[in-house]
Protein backbone atom coordinates (compact mmCIF):
# COMPACT_ATOMS: atom_id res chain seq x y z
CA UNK A 1 -155.48 -74.05 -36.91
CA UNK A 2 -158.61 -72.98 -36.87
CA UNK A 3 -159.06 -72.79 -40.88
CA UNK A 4 -157.88 -74.41 -43.97
CA UNK A 5 -157.04 -72.81 -46.68
CA UNK A 6 -157.58 -73.51 -50.63
CA UNK A 7 -156.60 -72.26 -53.99
CA UNK A 8 -158.04 -73.01 -57.02
CA UNK A 9 -156.30 -74.76 -59.80
CA UNK A 10 -154.37 -72.70 -62.61
CA UNK A 11 -156.75 -71.36 -64.51
CA UNK A 12 -155.58 -70.69 -68.66
CA UNK A 13 -152.54 -68.71 -69.45
CA UNK A 14 -152.60 -65.21 -68.71
CA UNK A 15 -150.09 -62.44 -68.94
CA UNK A 16 -149.02 -60.01 -65.86
CA UNK A 17 -149.32 -61.33 -62.30
CA UNK A 18 -150.59 -64.93 -62.72
CA UNK A 19 -151.85 -64.39 -58.76
CA UNK A 20 -152.33 -61.62 -56.51
CA UNK A 21 -149.57 -60.35 -54.06
CA UNK A 22 -152.36 -60.06 -51.38
CA UNK A 23 -152.04 -63.71 -49.90
CA UNK A 24 -155.37 -63.33 -48.19
CA UNK A 25 -157.20 -63.79 -51.52
CA UNK A 26 -158.09 -67.29 -51.02
CA UNK A 27 -161.20 -69.35 -49.97
CA UNK A 28 -160.86 -71.05 -47.08
CA UNK A 29 -162.68 -73.33 -44.59
CA UNK A 30 -163.29 -72.12 -40.88
CA UNK A 31 -165.28 -74.10 -38.49
CA UNK A 32 -166.96 -76.40 -41.15
CA UNK A 33 -168.01 -73.11 -42.91
CA UNK A 34 -166.57 -71.95 -46.23
CA UNK A 35 -165.40 -68.46 -46.41
CA UNK A 36 -165.55 -66.57 -49.43
CA UNK A 37 -162.95 -63.58 -50.01
CA UNK A 38 -164.97 -59.98 -51.55
CA UNK A 39 -163.77 -56.74 -52.46
CA UNK A 40 -167.17 -54.57 -51.49
CA UNK A 41 -166.45 -51.56 -53.67
CA UNK A 42 -168.29 -48.27 -54.96
CA UNK A 43 -168.06 -47.55 -58.71
CA UNK A 44 -169.69 -44.47 -59.64
CA UNK A 45 -173.06 -44.57 -58.06
CA UNK A 46 -173.12 -48.19 -57.92
CA UNK A 47 -172.17 -50.82 -55.15
CA UNK A 48 -171.59 -54.32 -55.13
CA UNK A 49 -168.85 -57.27 -55.22
CA UNK A 50 -165.84 -57.53 -57.14
CA UNK A 51 -164.46 -61.30 -56.86
CA UNK A 52 -161.22 -62.98 -58.07
CA UNK A 53 -162.72 -65.31 -61.02
CA UNK A 54 -160.46 -68.10 -60.85
CA UNK A 55 -161.91 -68.69 -57.06
CA UNK A 56 -165.14 -69.07 -58.46
CA UNK A 57 -166.26 -72.13 -59.80
CA UNK A 58 -166.54 -72.72 -63.44
CA UNK A 59 -170.17 -74.64 -63.26
CA UNK A 60 -172.31 -71.89 -64.30
CA UNK A 61 -175.10 -73.46 -61.65
CA UNK A 62 -172.64 -73.54 -59.06
CA UNK A 63 -171.48 -70.00 -59.86
CA UNK A 64 -174.97 -68.43 -59.54
CA UNK A 65 -175.66 -70.63 -56.23
CA UNK A 66 -172.42 -68.45 -55.04
CA UNK A 67 -173.51 -65.22 -55.80
CA UNK A 68 -177.00 -65.77 -54.29
CA UNK A 69 -175.26 -66.33 -50.93
CA UNK A 70 -172.93 -63.55 -51.35
CA UNK A 71 -175.52 -61.46 -52.40
CA UNK A 72 -179.25 -62.28 -49.98
CA UNK A 73 -181.23 -62.50 -53.30
CA UNK A 74 -183.59 -66.02 -52.78
CA UNK A 75 -181.98 -69.26 -53.75
CA UNK A 76 -184.74 -69.95 -55.95
CA UNK A 77 -188.04 -68.61 -57.51
CA UNK A 78 -189.26 -64.94 -56.77
CA UNK A 79 -189.53 -63.64 -53.03
CA UNK A 80 -191.21 -60.37 -53.31
CA UNK A 81 -190.48 -57.89 -50.88
CA UNK A 82 -187.10 -59.38 -49.75
CA UNK A 83 -184.81 -56.86 -48.12
CA UNK A 84 -181.72 -59.15 -48.58
CA UNK A 85 -180.87 -59.34 -44.96
CA UNK A 86 -178.63 -61.99 -45.18
CA UNK A 87 -176.10 -60.73 -47.70
CA UNK A 88 -174.21 -57.70 -49.58
CA UNK A 89 -176.98 -56.47 -52.01
CA UNK A 90 -178.74 -52.90 -51.54
CA UNK A 91 -182.33 -53.86 -52.88
CA UNK A 92 -182.17 -51.23 -56.01
CA UNK A 93 -180.41 -52.71 -58.93
CA UNK A 94 -177.43 -50.37 -58.68
CA UNK A 95 -176.56 -52.03 -55.20
CA UNK A 96 -176.54 -55.81 -57.14
CA UNK A 97 -173.56 -55.86 -59.31
CA UNK A 98 -171.00 -58.35 -58.80
CA UNK A 99 -168.04 -58.57 -61.18
CA UNK A 100 -165.77 -61.34 -61.92
CA UNK A 101 -162.24 -60.37 -62.63
CA UNK A 102 -158.81 -61.34 -63.24
CA UNK A 103 -155.91 -60.82 -65.92
CA UNK A 104 -155.08 -61.95 -69.04
CA UNK A 105 -152.70 -60.75 -72.67
CA UNK A 106 -154.04 -58.91 -75.20
CA UNK A 107 -153.15 -59.66 -78.89
CA UNK A 108 -149.77 -57.63 -78.31
CA UNK A 109 -149.12 -59.63 -75.03
CA UNK A 110 -149.77 -56.72 -72.80
CA UNK A 111 -151.92 -57.41 -69.27
CA UNK A 112 -155.14 -56.45 -69.23
CA UNK A 113 -157.80 -56.90 -67.03
CA UNK A 114 -161.08 -58.78 -67.67
CA UNK A 115 -164.08 -58.68 -66.32
CA UNK A 116 -167.88 -60.32 -66.23
CA UNK A 117 -170.65 -58.71 -65.04
CA UNK A 118 -173.56 -60.50 -62.74
CA UNK A 119 -176.72 -58.49 -62.51
CA UNK A 120 -179.03 -59.47 -59.75
CA UNK A 121 -182.05 -58.67 -58.26
CA UNK A 122 -183.18 -58.36 -54.90
CA UNK A 123 -186.46 -60.36 -54.96
CA UNK A 124 -185.17 -62.91 -57.70
CA UNK A 125 -183.28 -65.88 -58.31
CA UNK A 126 -182.19 -65.43 -61.70
CA UNK A 127 -179.31 -63.49 -62.87
CA UNK A 128 -178.67 -61.43 -65.59
CA UNK A 129 -175.44 -62.02 -67.56
CA UNK A 130 -176.31 -59.85 -70.57
CA UNK A 131 -174.68 -56.13 -70.22
CA UNK A 132 -171.88 -54.53 -68.30
CA UNK A 133 -172.11 -51.77 -65.90
CA UNK A 134 -169.72 -48.57 -66.49
CA UNK A 135 -170.13 -47.09 -63.12
CA UNK A 136 -168.84 -50.28 -61.65
CA UNK A 137 -166.10 -50.80 -63.98
CA UNK A 138 -164.51 -47.85 -62.42
CA UNK A 139 -163.45 -49.64 -59.33
CA UNK A 140 -161.61 -52.45 -61.35
CA UNK A 141 -158.38 -50.78 -61.44
CA UNK A 142 -158.65 -49.76 -58.00
CA UNK A 143 -159.07 -53.54 -57.32
CA UNK A 144 -156.12 -54.63 -59.49
CA UNK A 145 -154.02 -52.55 -57.56
CA UNK A 146 -155.31 -53.30 -54.41
CA UNK A 147 -155.05 -57.12 -55.13
CA UNK A 148 -151.34 -57.00 -56.69
CA UNK A 149 -152.55 -57.63 -60.06
CA UNK A 150 -151.28 -54.32 -61.21
CA UNK A 151 -148.45 -51.71 -60.07
CA UNK A 152 -148.55 -48.10 -61.11
CA UNK A 153 -144.42 -48.16 -60.28
CA UNK A 154 -143.48 -44.73 -59.87
CA UNK A 155 -145.61 -43.43 -62.60
CA UNK A 156 -147.71 -40.45 -61.24
CA UNK A 157 -150.52 -42.12 -63.86
CA UNK A 158 -151.96 -45.64 -64.00
CA UNK A 159 -153.38 -46.72 -66.86
CA UNK A 160 -154.92 -50.09 -67.51
CA UNK A 161 -157.47 -51.85 -70.28
CA UNK A 162 -160.47 -53.59 -69.01
CA UNK A 163 -162.02 -56.24 -71.39
CA UNK A 164 -165.76 -57.22 -70.87
CA UNK A 165 -166.74 -60.29 -71.77
CA UNK A 166 -170.72 -59.64 -71.73
CA UNK A 167 -170.31 -57.04 -74.48
CA UNK A 168 -167.23 -57.48 -75.96
CA UNK A 169 -166.43 -53.69 -75.59
CA UNK A 170 -162.76 -52.89 -74.01
CA UNK A 171 -162.04 -49.60 -72.29
CA UNK A 172 -158.93 -47.77 -71.46
CA UNK A 173 -158.98 -46.78 -67.27
CA UNK A 174 -156.55 -43.99 -66.31
CA UNK A 175 -155.77 -42.39 -62.78
CA UNK A 176 -153.36 -40.13 -61.40
CA UNK A 177 -151.57 -39.99 -58.46
CA UNK A 178 -149.64 -37.03 -56.60
CA UNK A 179 -146.17 -37.54 -55.09
CA UNK A 180 -147.64 -39.08 -51.82
CA UNK A 181 -149.09 -42.00 -53.71
CA UNK A 182 -152.70 -40.49 -52.94
CA UNK A 183 -155.08 -41.09 -55.77
CA UNK A 184 -156.49 -37.24 -57.66
CA UNK A 185 -160.25 -37.20 -56.33
CA UNK A 186 -163.21 -35.69 -58.37
CA UNK A 187 -166.58 -34.93 -57.38
CA UNK A 188 -169.65 -36.55 -59.29
CA UNK A 189 -173.00 -36.37 -59.35
CA UNK A 190 -175.27 -38.73 -56.81
CA UNK A 191 -172.22 -39.23 -55.15
CA UNK A 192 -171.27 -36.70 -52.17
CA UNK A 193 -167.85 -35.59 -51.06
CA UNK A 194 -164.45 -36.41 -53.49
CA UNK A 195 -163.36 -39.44 -53.98
CA UNK A 196 -160.80 -41.48 -55.78
CA UNK A 197 -160.97 -40.11 -59.86
CA UNK A 198 -161.34 -42.80 -62.82
CA UNK A 199 -161.44 -41.83 -66.17
CA UNK A 200 -163.03 -44.82 -68.47
CA UNK A 201 -162.81 -44.69 -72.28
CA UNK A 202 -164.63 -47.04 -74.13
CA UNK A 203 -163.19 -48.10 -77.96
CA UNK A 204 -165.64 -49.32 -80.44
CA UNK A 205 -168.85 -49.03 -78.22
CA UNK A 206 -171.28 -49.18 -81.42
CA UNK A 207 -172.93 -52.28 -81.27
CA UNK A 208 -172.42 -53.70 -78.12
CA UNK A 209 -175.25 -56.48 -78.51
CA UNK A 210 -176.53 -56.10 -81.74
CA UNK A 211 -173.92 -54.96 -83.97
CA UNK A 212 -175.56 -51.62 -85.36
CA UNK A 213 -175.65 -48.10 -84.05
CA UNK A 214 -179.57 -48.12 -85.03
CA UNK A 215 -180.02 -51.89 -84.18
CA UNK A 216 -183.79 -51.52 -86.30
CA UNK A 217 -182.21 -49.65 -89.16
CA UNK A 218 -184.49 -46.41 -88.34
CA UNK A 219 -183.54 -43.52 -86.32
CA UNK A 220 -187.32 -43.32 -84.91
CA UNK A 221 -189.74 -46.58 -84.87
CA UNK A 222 -193.26 -45.74 -84.07
CA UNK A 223 -193.94 -49.06 -81.05
CA UNK A 224 -197.05 -48.94 -79.45
CA UNK A 225 -198.14 -45.43 -80.44
CA UNK A 226 -194.78 -44.25 -79.11
CA UNK A 227 -191.99 -42.58 -81.40
CA UNK A 228 -188.65 -44.06 -79.88
CA UNK A 229 -185.49 -44.50 -80.89
CA UNK A 230 -183.24 -47.62 -80.61
CA UNK A 231 -179.58 -47.23 -80.17
CA UNK A 232 -176.64 -49.71 -79.24
CA UNK A 233 -173.93 -47.67 -78.00
CA UNK A 234 -172.33 -49.21 -74.60
CA UNK A 235 -175.67 -50.39 -74.34
CA UNK A 236 -178.73 -50.88 -76.25
CA UNK A 237 -181.60 -48.82 -75.40
CA UNK A 238 -184.66 -47.16 -76.10
CA UNK A 239 -185.20 -43.57 -76.07
CA UNK A 240 -188.51 -41.36 -76.10
CA UNK A 241 -189.75 -37.88 -75.10
CA UNK A 242 -191.41 -38.00 -71.36
CA UNK A 243 -194.11 -35.87 -73.05
CA UNK A 244 -195.32 -38.34 -75.52
CA UNK A 245 -195.96 -40.66 -71.96
CA UNK A 246 -197.61 -37.33 -70.41
CA UNK A 247 -195.14 -36.39 -67.91
CA UNK A 248 -192.61 -33.82 -67.66
CA UNK A 249 -189.34 -35.31 -67.67
CA UNK A 250 -188.13 -32.76 -64.44
CA UNK A 251 -190.67 -34.83 -62.33
CA UNK A 252 -188.79 -36.49 -59.39
CA UNK A 253 -187.72 -40.22 -60.30
CA UNK A 254 -189.91 -41.66 -57.42
CA UNK A 255 -193.14 -40.16 -58.77
CA UNK A 256 -192.54 -42.34 -62.01
CA UNK A 257 -191.89 -45.40 -60.37
CA UNK A 258 -195.24 -44.88 -58.08
CA UNK A 259 -196.89 -44.30 -61.83
CA UNK A 260 -198.23 -47.87 -62.32
CA UNK A 261 -199.91 -47.10 -65.73
CA UNK A 262 -196.88 -45.49 -66.99
CA UNK A 263 -194.37 -48.07 -65.63
CA UNK A 264 -196.72 -50.58 -67.29
CA UNK A 265 -196.83 -48.65 -70.82
CA UNK A 266 -192.66 -48.47 -70.52
CA UNK A 267 -192.60 -51.98 -70.29
CA UNK A 268 -194.86 -52.79 -73.18
CA UNK A 269 -193.12 -50.38 -75.14
CA UNK A 270 -189.70 -51.25 -74.09
CA UNK A 271 -190.58 -55.23 -74.55
CA UNK A 272 -191.92 -54.30 -78.79
CA UNK A 273 -188.96 -51.78 -79.03
CA UNK A 274 -186.25 -54.72 -77.30
CA UNK A 275 -188.32 -57.45 -80.30
CA UNK A 276 -187.57 -55.24 -83.05
CA UNK A 277 -183.89 -54.96 -82.19
CA UNK A 278 -183.35 -58.24 -82.29
CA UNK A 279 -181.97 -58.57 -78.88
CA UNK A 280 -179.98 -61.90 -77.93
CA UNK A 281 -179.24 -64.13 -75.10
CA UNK A 282 -175.68 -64.71 -74.35
CA UNK A 283 -176.04 -68.29 -76.49
CA UNK A 284 -177.15 -66.50 -79.31
CA UNK A 285 -180.70 -67.21 -79.01
CA UNK A 286 -183.23 -64.64 -79.71
CA UNK A 287 -184.60 -63.30 -76.46
CA UNK A 288 -188.61 -63.80 -76.29
CA UNK A 289 -190.75 -61.15 -74.93
CA UNK A 290 -191.24 -62.70 -72.01
CA UNK A 291 -187.35 -62.32 -71.50
CA UNK A 292 -187.33 -58.96 -72.44
CA UNK A 293 -190.21 -57.93 -70.42
CA UNK A 294 -188.34 -59.54 -67.09
CA UNK A 295 -185.05 -58.74 -68.37
CA UNK A 296 -183.32 -56.63 -64.99
CA UNK A 297 -180.42 -55.15 -67.72
CA UNK A 298 -181.58 -55.10 -71.45
CA UNK A 299 -182.70 -53.11 -73.47
CA UNK A 300 -182.58 -49.92 -71.64
CA UNK A 301 -185.02 -46.95 -71.55
CA UNK A 302 -184.81 -43.34 -71.43
CA UNK A 303 -187.23 -40.72 -71.27
CA UNK A 304 -185.83 -37.44 -72.61
CA UNK A 305 -186.98 -33.83 -72.64
CA UNK A 306 -185.13 -30.39 -73.51
CA UNK A 307 -182.48 -29.31 -71.02
CA UNK A 308 -183.47 -26.64 -67.92
CA UNK A 309 -180.01 -25.52 -67.15
CA UNK A 310 -176.42 -25.84 -68.55
CA UNK A 311 -176.76 -29.24 -69.93
CA UNK A 312 -177.58 -30.51 -73.47
CA UNK A 313 -180.49 -32.73 -72.81
CA UNK A 314 -182.64 -33.92 -69.75
CA UNK A 315 -183.20 -37.63 -68.93
CA UNK A 316 -184.93 -39.81 -66.46
CA UNK A 317 -183.70 -43.45 -67.15
CA UNK A 318 -184.78 -46.59 -66.03
CA UNK A 319 -182.33 -49.37 -65.32
CA UNK A 320 -184.82 -51.03 -66.51
CA UNK A 321 -187.18 -52.24 -64.08
CA UNK A 322 -186.97 -49.48 -61.82
CA UNK A 323 -186.24 -45.76 -61.98
CA UNK A 324 -182.37 -44.79 -61.43
CA UNK A 325 -181.38 -42.22 -59.22
CA UNK A 326 -178.93 -40.50 -61.24
CA UNK A 327 -177.80 -41.49 -64.75
CA UNK A 328 -175.54 -45.07 -65.48
CA UNK A 329 -172.66 -43.80 -67.48
CA UNK A 330 -173.21 -46.62 -70.02
CA UNK A 331 -176.43 -45.34 -70.70
CA UNK A 332 -175.09 -41.84 -70.65
CA UNK A 333 -172.58 -43.07 -73.38
CA UNK A 334 -175.65 -43.85 -75.24
CA UNK A 335 -177.97 -40.94 -74.75
CA UNK A 336 -174.99 -38.65 -75.57
CA UNK A 337 -173.87 -40.45 -78.92
CA UNK A 338 -177.99 -40.60 -79.88
CA UNK A 339 -177.86 -36.49 -79.71
CA UNK A 340 -175.51 -36.76 -82.60
CA UNK A 341 -177.51 -38.74 -84.61
CA UNK A 342 -179.85 -37.39 -87.27
CA UNK A 343 -183.44 -37.40 -86.79
CA UNK A 344 -183.34 -39.79 -83.44
CA UNK A 345 -185.45 -38.62 -81.05
CA UNK A 346 -182.49 -37.48 -78.85
CA UNK A 347 -181.49 -35.27 -81.53
CA UNK A 348 -184.90 -33.94 -81.98
CA UNK A 349 -184.94 -32.41 -78.43
CA UNK A 350 -181.24 -31.80 -77.94
CA UNK A 351 -180.03 -28.18 -77.58
CA UNK A 352 -176.82 -26.45 -78.23
CA UNK A 353 -175.31 -30.02 -79.83
CA UNK A 354 -171.78 -28.58 -81.53
CA UNK A 355 -172.39 -30.38 -85.21
CA UNK A 356 -170.04 -33.52 -86.24
CA UNK A 357 -167.64 -32.99 -89.02
CA UNK A 358 -165.83 -34.99 -91.53
CA UNK A 359 -163.28 -36.00 -89.41
CA UNK A 360 -162.90 -37.55 -85.80
CA UNK A 361 -163.28 -34.71 -83.02
CA UNK A 362 -164.86 -34.93 -79.68
CA UNK A 363 -167.90 -33.48 -78.68
CA UNK A 364 -169.14 -33.01 -75.34
CA UNK A 365 -172.63 -33.69 -73.76
CA UNK A 366 -174.44 -32.90 -70.54
CA UNK A 367 -177.12 -34.70 -69.78
CA UNK A 368 -179.54 -33.52 -66.70
CA UNK A 369 -180.35 -36.03 -64.37
CA UNK A 370 -182.15 -36.21 -61.06
CA UNK A 371 -178.52 -35.56 -59.33
CA UNK A 372 -176.96 -33.26 -61.06
CA UNK A 373 -175.32 -33.13 -64.55
CA UNK A 374 -173.25 -36.06 -66.39
CA UNK A 375 -170.48 -35.30 -68.85
CA UNK A 376 -169.75 -37.57 -71.66
CA UNK A 377 -167.50 -36.87 -74.55
CA UNK A 378 -168.15 -38.88 -77.73
CA UNK A 379 -165.65 -39.20 -80.35
CA UNK A 380 -167.26 -39.15 -83.71
CA UNK A 381 -166.99 -37.90 -87.20
CA UNK A 382 -170.05 -37.67 -90.26
CA UNK A 383 -168.84 -39.85 -93.06
CA UNK A 384 -171.14 -40.29 -96.54
CA UNK A 385 -174.14 -39.16 -94.41
CA UNK A 386 -173.44 -41.76 -91.58
CA UNK A 387 -172.28 -41.07 -88.10
CA UNK A 388 -169.37 -43.30 -87.24
CA UNK A 389 -168.21 -43.38 -83.46
CA UNK A 390 -164.89 -44.35 -82.44
CA UNK A 391 -164.85 -43.62 -78.33
CA UNK A 392 -167.37 -42.59 -75.32
CA UNK A 393 -165.28 -41.58 -72.21
CA UNK A 394 -166.42 -40.40 -69.23
CA UNK A 395 -165.15 -40.02 -65.19
CA UNK A 396 -166.10 -41.59 -62.58
CA UNK A 397 -165.44 -41.73 -58.56
CA UNK A 398 -164.54 -45.01 -57.06
CA UNK A 399 -164.23 -46.70 -53.09
CA UNK A 400 -163.30 -49.97 -52.15
CA UNK A 401 -165.83 -50.20 -49.31
CA UNK A 402 -164.58 -53.45 -47.37
CA UNK A 403 -162.32 -56.13 -48.13
CA UNK A 404 -162.46 -59.55 -46.29
CA UNK A 405 -164.16 -62.89 -46.01
CA UNK A 406 -167.98 -63.70 -46.24
CA UNK A 407 -169.21 -67.22 -44.74
CA UNK A 408 -171.12 -69.23 -46.79
CA UNK A 409 -173.56 -70.34 -44.07
CA UNK A 410 -175.72 -72.69 -46.19
CA UNK A 411 -173.57 -73.89 -49.17
CA UNK A 412 -174.54 -76.96 -50.98
CA UNK A 413 -172.22 -79.62 -50.89
CA UNK A 414 -171.59 -79.46 -54.39
CA UNK A 415 -170.69 -75.53 -53.89
CA UNK A 416 -168.98 -76.59 -50.82
CA UNK A 417 -166.73 -79.01 -53.01
CA UNK A 418 -166.15 -76.95 -55.84
CA UNK A 419 -164.61 -73.93 -53.82
CA UNK A 420 -162.27 -76.13 -51.50
CA UNK A 421 -161.26 -79.25 -53.99
CA UNK A 422 -163.20 -81.45 -51.94
CA UNK A 423 -165.61 -83.17 -54.78
């Protein structure tokens, strides 16, 4: 027999399928090399991996070593210019995401998927665990169906709740299938062609990291000479006018990346605004200025301006260390919500936005970006002079690009032992 196959010990009790229907979702040792099963996926305009949480080591250091092997980032420190030739990452931040996923029960005993995102960077060993990815989340229902953790049965509509541990936000996902079992396909900005569509609804998305809609308590703050709005819906974000940085918001995103003085100024404003937002690490400790400046995830930055076409606002979004070639959906939900909050920078530049009433209602917002228009829907109301947001919704497409085993050629003895149970 060429391969020895291992399965991890039982994890905490969960609802639904305790184990996937796919028998190949197991760690194996072949010719002395550990091989780890992955789903390589695209969700929206992001790509990365989904792996079964139960197969990964519990120890965070070993879990991070596993990620570095899988994605081809430096094992230690920083290596400028790394091309990730030895892994499955794609150099850009939107191609360096990994979800750990599994099943659990909600308070009513209903099965739901639970996910934890790891954000990697091509040139860094450090891994950021602080936020979710709305784009990549669209691939999670497909992973659940493909692995057998979930089944749609004979129903044309497949619905699955997804709890994200990075933010605590729960999303409801929905896919529709025809009589032949083929998923309804959609087209989204930034992705060529039609692919399986996934609707995602974020429940109670306000204060994902800070607990507040406006983390500083102000609709506008003056930071390093720039008016910014700090908003936390699905993800904390710093919003400013592109014109205040001497730029046209409609300029190509590549020109922003190439503008070194601009990027330095953005970093300074983002760092100072992040401190005002009182951002914290996963362990609850306040983030330092250096940690915010070097974070690959929070706070996001969005430069905005008036729309030129059919949208309500134009945006150039940063991830945050580099310009996004389209618009992240979590950031899109945050920006869309910000346009509904009186006094924010977003509300000042947005056009044709339907005003809120005293009752909850859905408001659709179109965000013009380098790839087209991202449509987001916010369910909100105006109560006592304050904006209350119940849900944020968006549509994405998703693909399973590849499933298979990744050989971990240089796994340490500790990682090898943790994965095979031979320690």
